[in-house]
Amino acid sequence: MTANLEITLLCIGDVVGRPGRFVVSIGVPRLVKERKIDCVIANVENAAAGSGLTSNLYEKFLRYGVSVMTMGDHVFRKAEILPILEQSDRIVRPANLPEEAVGKQFTLFETDAGPRVAVIQLIGRLFMNTVSNCAFHAADAVLERIPRDVKIIVVDMHAEATSEKIAMGWYLDGRASVVFGTHTHVPTADEQLLQKGTAYITDLGMSGPYDSVLGRRKDRVLKALTTGMPAPFDVATGDPRMCGILVKVDSETGRASHIERIRVEAELEEGAHGGPTDTAD
């Protein structure tokens, strides 16, 4: 039987393009060493040029120290990721997509300290252009499938509406160790420990270029908004930051005892790529 331990989790918000990958390649190894992190969970659905994930980038995130990857509404944007979604235990897709969708509804990651961490992702239905089932009912069903000895449960609620994310936090309070929101790319300041021991934040924020409009070039977005004409929303490059939360969880009870927002800043030189060997999306 595993001894009662305090497990430290790092949860990283939507990684956007090369700037996001670059700052993750710097920030994750540094924080793992400095804060003695046991498990790193990152949302990577925007990693490949701002939309989707490739097999090459999946391998890079593993090398950067990411333990488990979550996706979102762009999960199937790159066809080459389908075999990895089907076979890998290091990545999950939204659990409330139709049963026929490729990918795992949850996964278990065994930390070096011993305790396992269950990771689940759900996708919202309000203002989301995705075919999905009820996230709340899906959460109930997936939780029933997690082995009883796994007490640390992390849920990524990938949703547009803050109300839907907050509702999920309260719905899973005491049943999940951590519930965090992704998708909207703006870090919220409402990190808290809920009444029954769940660490919660409405949105982790983006890991990517903050001199932008949600990671995209300002001039392109403004042109589209002011003229009504289409413009390519290329990924921006300036002011890359990695945003997320650090959470401490009791391995026996699954209750969180600490949550704090994390931000890592980096300078990305013109023409630089996301990481020392990152040369392509």
Foldseek 3Di string as FASTA:
>chain_A
DADKDKAKEWEWAEQAEFLLLQLLLVPVVVCCVPVVHFAYEYEHQRHAQGGGDAPVVVVVNVVSPHQAYEYAPRHPVDVRCQVCQQPPLRYAYAQFADPPDGHDQWHWTATPSGAIEIEGEHEDDPPDPGRGDDRLVSVVVVLVVDDPLRQAYEYEYEYDDLVVQVVVCVSCQQVHQEYEYHHPQQFDDPFDQDPNFHTYGSYQHYQEAPCDRSQFHNVQVVCCVPPVDHGDRGGDHHWGKIKGKMWIATRRRNGTDDIDIDMDTDDDDVPRGSDPPGDHD
